[in-house]
Amino acid sequence: MVALTAWVLALVPPFVTWSTRYEFAQAIQFGLFAVAVPAMVVAGGPWRWLGLASKRPLQFDSDGRLLSTAPLRPVDRIASRRLNELGHRRAIVLVLVFVAQTILWRSSPVVNALVRHPWLEVIESLALVGAGVLLWLDLIESAPFRPRTTRPFRIGMSATAMWAVWVTAYLMAMSHNSWYPAIHHEAGRGLSQSADQQISAAILWFTSAVAFMPVVFSNLIRWLQSEDDPDDELYQLVRQHRTRGFFGTNP
C-alpha cells in the first residue's frame, strides 16, 4: 500500500506541477519509480495478499521438483519455473536494462520532454517500476520468489545499479549549465540552478544508497559467514565462467 500510494502521489498534483518547475522534483520522481517503489513492492511480497500466490510455502525435493499438493496460483507457477532457470544471464540483462533506463530517463532530451508533456511521466513510471520489480526479484527474497543468482552476483548487481545512479547524479551536479533548459530558474526567485542541481544529486544518491547498500552488506556478511569457504565459491564461479562462457555454454 505504501508503494502504491507513493507511486500515485508522484503522478498527481501538486507533485506533477512541481516536476515542471524544479529539477529536484524530477529527481524524486525518478528515485521513486526506479528504486523505491520496486524495492518496496518486492520487499512487501504482496503476491499472497493479492491472491496471486498460495498461502502455503512451496516445497521442493533435492532435484528441484515441486512437492506441494496445494493448487498452484499464477505466481506459484512463475516462481517454480524461475527455480528451474537458475543462472546469471538474465540477471545481467536486468542490470543492463536498469543502467540503460537510468541514462535514458535522466538524459536532457527525455527530461525536457517530461517537463513539456507531463503525461509522459506515466510511461516513465510504468517502464521503471516494471523493470525495477524484475531486478529486485533477483536481489531479495519475496515469497514465493527466490533470487536465482549467488550472493557475489547480487552484491555486484546492487553495486552496479547504485553506481549508475550515482554517476549520472554526479555529472548533473557538477555541470555548470543546466541539463534541463525546459526548467526555468529565475534569479532571485525560488531555488537557483546550482542549488536545484545539488539537491537533485543528493536525493538520487540518498535514495539509491538506502535501497542498495543494505543488499550489498547483508549478502556480503551472509556470504562470509556461510559454512562454505567464500574463496572456494568465488573460485568455482570463475572456473565455471571460464569453461562455460560468461553468458552460457561456449560452442
Protein backbone atom coordinates (compact mmCIF):
# COMPACT_ATOMS: atom_id res chain seq x y z
CA MET A 1 0.00 0.00 0.00
CA VAL A 2 2.84 2.41 0.79
CA ALA A 3 4.47 1.75 -2.58
CA LEU A 4 1.20 2.21 -4.45
CA THR A 5 0.45 5.42 -2.55
CA ALA A 6 3.89 6.86 -3.31
CA TRP A 7 3.51 5.87 -6.96
CA VAL A 8 0.15 7.61 -7.32
CA LEU A 9 1.13 10.74 -5.38
CA ALA A 10 4.12 11.26 -7.68
CA LEU A 11 1.81 11.38 -10.71
CA VAL A 12 -0.89 13.76 -9.49
CA PRO A 13 -0.96 17.45 -8.49
CA PRO A 14 0.68 19.16 -6.76
CA PHE A 15 3.73 16.97 -7.28
CA VAL A 16 3.35 16.69 -11.03
CA THR A 17 3.22 20.51 -11.16
CA TRP A 18 6.42 20.81 -9.13
CA SER A 19 8.15 18.42 -11.54
CA THR A 20 7.73 21.01 -14.32
CA ARG A 21 9.40 23.71 -12.21
CA TYR A 22 12.17 22.03 -10.20
CA GLU A 23 14.85 19.52 -11.04
CA PHE A 24 14.73 18.04 -7.53
CA ALA A 25 11.07 17.09 -8.10
CA GLN A 26 12.10 15.23 -11.25
CA ALA A 27 14.82 13.50 -9.21
CA ILE A 28 12.30 12.46 -6.54
CA GLN A 29 10.03 11.01 -9.21
CA PHE A 30 12.88 9.03 -10.76
CA GLY A 31 14.05 7.80 -7.37
CA LEU A 32 10.56 6.59 -6.55
CA PHE A 33 9.88 4.94 -9.91
CA ALA A 34 13.29 3.35 -10.46
CA VAL A 35 14.33 2.40 -6.94
CA ALA A 36 11.96 2.98 -4.02
CA VAL A 37 8.65 1.69 -5.39
CA PRO A 38 10.07 -1.53 -6.94
CA ALA A 39 12.06 -2.25 -3.77
CA MET A 40 9.01 -1.73 -1.54
CA VAL A 41 6.79 -3.86 -3.80
CA VAL A 42 9.18 -6.82 -3.81
CA ALA A 43 10.12 -6.49 -0.13
CA GLY A 44 6.45 -6.30 0.82
CA GLY A 45 5.67 -9.55 -1.01
CA PRO A 46 2.07 -8.68 -1.94
CA TRP A 47 1.54 -11.79 -4.04
CA ARG A 48 -0.31 -13.80 -1.38
CA TRP A 49 -2.21 -10.77 -0.13
CA LEU A 50 -3.46 -10.15 -3.68
CA GLY A 51 -4.45 -13.80 -4.05
CA LEU A 52 -1.88 -14.42 -6.78
CA ALA A 53 0.07 -16.99 -4.74
CA SER A 54 -0.97 -19.78 -2.37
CA LYS A 55 -0.62 -19.11 1.33
CA ARG A 56 1.37 -22.30 1.88
CA PRO A 57 5.09 -22.13 1.05
CA LEU A 58 6.17 -24.15 -1.95
CA GLN A 59 8.16 -27.33 -1.18
CA PHE A 60 10.74 -28.88 -3.49
CA ASP A 61 12.78 -32.07 -3.36
CA SER A 62 16.56 -32.26 -3.75
CA ASP A 63 16.20 -32.34 -7.55
CA GLY A 64 14.15 -29.15 -7.59
CA ARG A 65 10.83 -30.88 -8.34
CA LEU A 66 7.73 -29.38 -6.78
CA LEU A 67 6.26 -31.44 -3.92
CA SER A 68 3.35 -29.16 -3.00
CA THR A 69 -0.07 -30.75 -3.44
CA ALA A 70 -2.00 -27.49 -2.97
CA PRO A 71 -3.48 -25.88 -6.09
CA LEU A 72 -0.90 -23.59 -7.68
CA ARG A 73 -1.77 -20.00 -8.40
CA PRO A 74 -0.23 -17.95 -11.25
CA VAL A 75 2.65 -16.53 -9.21
CA ASP A 76 3.42 -20.00 -7.80
CA ARG A 77 3.87 -21.35 -11.32
CA ILE A 78 6.12 -18.45 -12.28
CA ALA A 79 8.21 -18.90 -9.12
CA SER A 80 8.50 -22.64 -9.78
CA ARG A 81 9.73 -22.06 -13.33
CA ARG A 82 12.25 -19.48 -12.09
CA LEU A 83 13.80 -22.02 -9.72
CA ASN A 84 14.45 -24.31 -12.69
CA GLU A 85 16.15 -21.47 -14.59
CA LEU A 86 18.98 -20.67 -12.19
CA GLY A 87 21.82 -18.65 -13.67
CA HIS A 88 23.23 -15.22 -14.14
CA ARG A 89 22.47 -14.38 -17.75
CA ARG A 90 19.03 -12.87 -17.16
CA ALA A 91 20.22 -11.09 -14.05
CA ILE A 92 22.97 -9.40 -16.06
CA VAL A 93 20.42 -8.36 -18.68
CA LEU A 94 18.21 -6.85 -15.97
CA VAL A 95 21.11 -4.82 -14.58
CA LEU A 96 21.99 -3.58 -18.07
CA VAL A 97 18.36 -2.60 -18.61
CA PHE A 98 18.39 -0.67 -15.31
CA VAL A 99 21.59 1.17 -16.29
CA ALA A 100 20.23 1.94 -19.76
CA GLN A 101 16.96 3.26 -18.35
CA THR A 102 18.84 5.38 -15.81
CA ILE A 103 20.79 7.02 -18.59
CA LEU A 104 17.71 7.38 -20.79
CA TRP A 105 15.25 8.83 -18.28
CA ARG A 106 17.84 11.22 -16.79
CA SER A 107 19.09 12.45 -20.16
CA SER A 108 18.45 16.03 -21.22
CA PRO A 109 16.08 15.41 -24.17
CA VAL A 110 13.89 13.00 -22.23
CA VAL A 111 13.57 15.11 -19.05
CA ASN A 112 12.84 18.18 -21.16
CA ALA A 113 10.09 16.20 -22.87
CA LEU A 114 8.71 15.14 -19.47
CA VAL A 115 8.60 18.78 -18.37
CA ARG A 116 6.76 19.89 -21.51
CA HIS A 117 4.45 16.85 -21.63
CA PRO A 118 3.75 15.62 -18.05
CA TRP A 119 1.58 12.75 -19.32
CA LEU A 120 4.83 11.03 -20.38
CA GLU A 121 5.59 10.54 -16.69
CA VAL A 122 3.01 7.73 -16.64
CA ILE A 123 5.01 5.90 -19.31
CA GLU A 124 8.22 6.60 -17.38
CA SER A 125 6.74 5.17 -14.19
CA LEU A 126 5.46 2.00 -15.87
CA ALA A 127 8.80 1.34 -17.59
CA LEU A 128 10.92 1.99 -14.50
CA VAL A 129 8.69 0.20 -11.98
CA GLY A 130 8.23 -2.83 -14.22
CA ALA A 131 11.94 -3.28 -14.89
CA GLY A 132 12.75 -2.44 -11.27
CA VAL A 133 10.48 -5.15 -9.88
CA LEU A 134 12.11 -7.77 -12.12
CA LEU A 135 15.54 -6.62 -10.96
CA TRP A 136 14.66 -6.72 -7.26
CA LEU A 137 13.21 -10.23 -7.58
CA ASP A 138 16.80 -11.33 -8.28
CA LEU A 139 18.20 -9.31 -5.37
CA ILE A 140 15.98 -10.21 -2.39
CA GLU A 141 13.53 -12.92 -1.43
CA SER A 142 9.84 -12.22 -1.92
CA ALA A 143 7.93 -15.43 -1.19
CA PRO A 144 7.29 -17.49 -3.23
CA PHE A 145 10.06 -15.89 -5.34
CA ARG A 146 13.71 -16.51 -4.58
CA PRO A 147 16.77 -14.90 -6.19
CA ARG A 148 18.25 -17.00 -8.98
CA THR A 149 21.78 -15.68 -8.51
CA THR A 150 24.53 -16.34 -5.99
CA ARG A 151 25.36 -13.80 -3.29
CA PRO A 152 28.52 -12.48 -5.01
CA PHE A 153 26.45 -11.70 -8.09
CA ARG A 154 23.77 -9.96 -6.02
CA ILE A 155 26.48 -7.80 -4.50
CA GLY A 156 27.79 -6.90 -7.93
CA MET A 157 24.31 -6.26 -9.33
CA SER A 158 23.39 -3.94 -6.45
CA ALA A 159 26.67 -2.04 -6.63
CA THR A 160 26.39 -1.60 -10.41
CA ALA A 161 22.83 -0.29 -10.21
CA MET A 162 23.72 2.08 -7.37
CA TRP A 163 26.78 3.43 -9.15
CA ALA A 164 24.80 4.03 -12.34
CA VAL A 165 22.51 6.39 -10.42
CA TRP A 166 25.42 7.97 -8.54
CA VAL A 167 27.43 8.71 -11.68
CA THR A 168 24.55 10.36 -13.53
CA ALA A 169 23.69 12.41 -10.43
CA TYR A 170 27.33 13.46 -10.00
CA LEU A 171 27.67 14.56 -13.62
CA MET A 172 24.47 16.59 -13.35
CA ALA A 173 25.50 18.24 -10.08
CA MET A 174 28.95 19.22 -11.39
CA SER A 175 27.64 20.68 -14.65
CA HIS A 176 27.98 24.46 -14.97
CA ASN A 177 24.99 24.58 -17.32
CA SER A 178 21.61 23.07 -16.62
CA TRP A 179 20.94 19.74 -18.29
CA TYR A 180 17.27 20.60 -18.47
CA PRO A 181 16.65 24.02 -20.09
CA ALA A 182 12.91 23.34 -20.09
CA ILE A 183 13.03 24.01 -16.32
CA HIS A 184 13.50 27.77 -15.96
CA HIS A 185 15.30 29.24 -12.96
CA GLU A 186 14.72 32.94 -12.35
CA ALA A 187 17.39 34.85 -10.44
CA GLY A 188 16.14 35.99 -7.06
CA ARG A 189 13.04 33.79 -7.16
CA GLY A 190 12.94 30.28 -5.75
CA LEU A 191 15.87 27.90 -6.00
CA SER A 192 18.91 28.78 -8.05
CA GLN A 193 20.04 26.43 -10.78
CA SER A 194 23.09 25.33 -8.78
CA ALA A 195 21.08 24.64 -5.62
CA ASP A 196 18.43 22.75 -7.57
CA GLN A 197 21.08 20.55 -9.22
CA GLN A 198 22.85 19.80 -5.94
CA ILE A 199 19.62 18.96 -4.12
CA SER A 200 18.66 16.65 -7.02
CA ALA A 201 22.01 14.85 -6.83
CA ALA A 202 21.71 14.45 -3.05
CA ILE A 203 18.23 12.96 -3.42
CA LEU A 204 19.40 10.42 -6.01
CA TRP A 205 22.49 9.49 -4.00
CA PHE A 206 20.47 9.04 -0.81
CA THR A 207 17.66 7.04 -2.44
CA SER A 208 19.96 4.60 -4.22
CA ALA A 209 22.24 4.20 -1.19
CA VAL A 210 19.37 3.47 1.20
CA ALA A 211 17.96 0.87 -1.20
CA PHE A 212 21.08 -0.92 -2.47
CA MET A 213 23.59 -0.61 0.39
CA PRO A 214 21.68 -2.99 2.71
CA VAL A 215 21.54 -5.57 -0.09
CA VAL A 216 25.29 -5.30 -0.64
CA PHE A 217 26.28 -5.61 3.02
CA SER A 218 23.68 -8.21 4.03
CA ASN A 219 24.75 -10.52 1.19
CA LEU A 220 28.41 -9.86 1.92
CA ILE A 221 28.02 -10.72 5.61
CA ARG A 222 25.97 -13.86 4.95
CA TRP A 223 28.39 -14.97 2.25
CA LEU A 224 31.39 -14.57 4.54
CA GLN A 225 29.58 -16.32 7.41
CA SER A 226 28.37 -19.25 5.33
CA GLU A 227 29.64 -22.73 6.07
CA ASP A 228 31.34 -22.97 2.70
CA ASP A 229 34.59 -21.14 2.17
CA PRO A 230 33.69 -17.92 0.27
CA ASP A 231 37.02 -18.06 -1.57
CA ASP A 232 36.22 -21.54 -2.85
CA GLU A 233 32.81 -20.36 -4.01
CA LEU A 234 34.34 -17.42 -5.83
CA TYR A 235 36.98 -19.59 -7.48
CA GLN A 236 34.27 -22.03 -8.51
CA LEU A 237 32.32 -19.22 -10.17
CA VAL A 238 35.41 -18.02 -12.02
CA ARG A 239 36.24 -21.53 -13.21
CA GLN A 240 32.65 -22.05 -14.29
CA HIS A 241 32.62 -18.91 -16.41
CA ARG A 242 35.98 -19.75 -17.95
CA THR A 243 34.73 -23.14 -19.10
CA ARG A 244 31.12 -22.23 -19.95
CA GLY A 245 31.48 -18.63 -21.00
CA PHE A 246 30.11 -15.64 -19.16
CA PHE A 247 26.74 -15.76 -20.97
CA GLY A 248 26.39 -19.50 -21.41
CA THR A 249 27.99 -22.57 -22.87
CA ASN A 250 30.73 -21.90 -25.39
CA PRO A 251 30.22 -23.55 -28.76
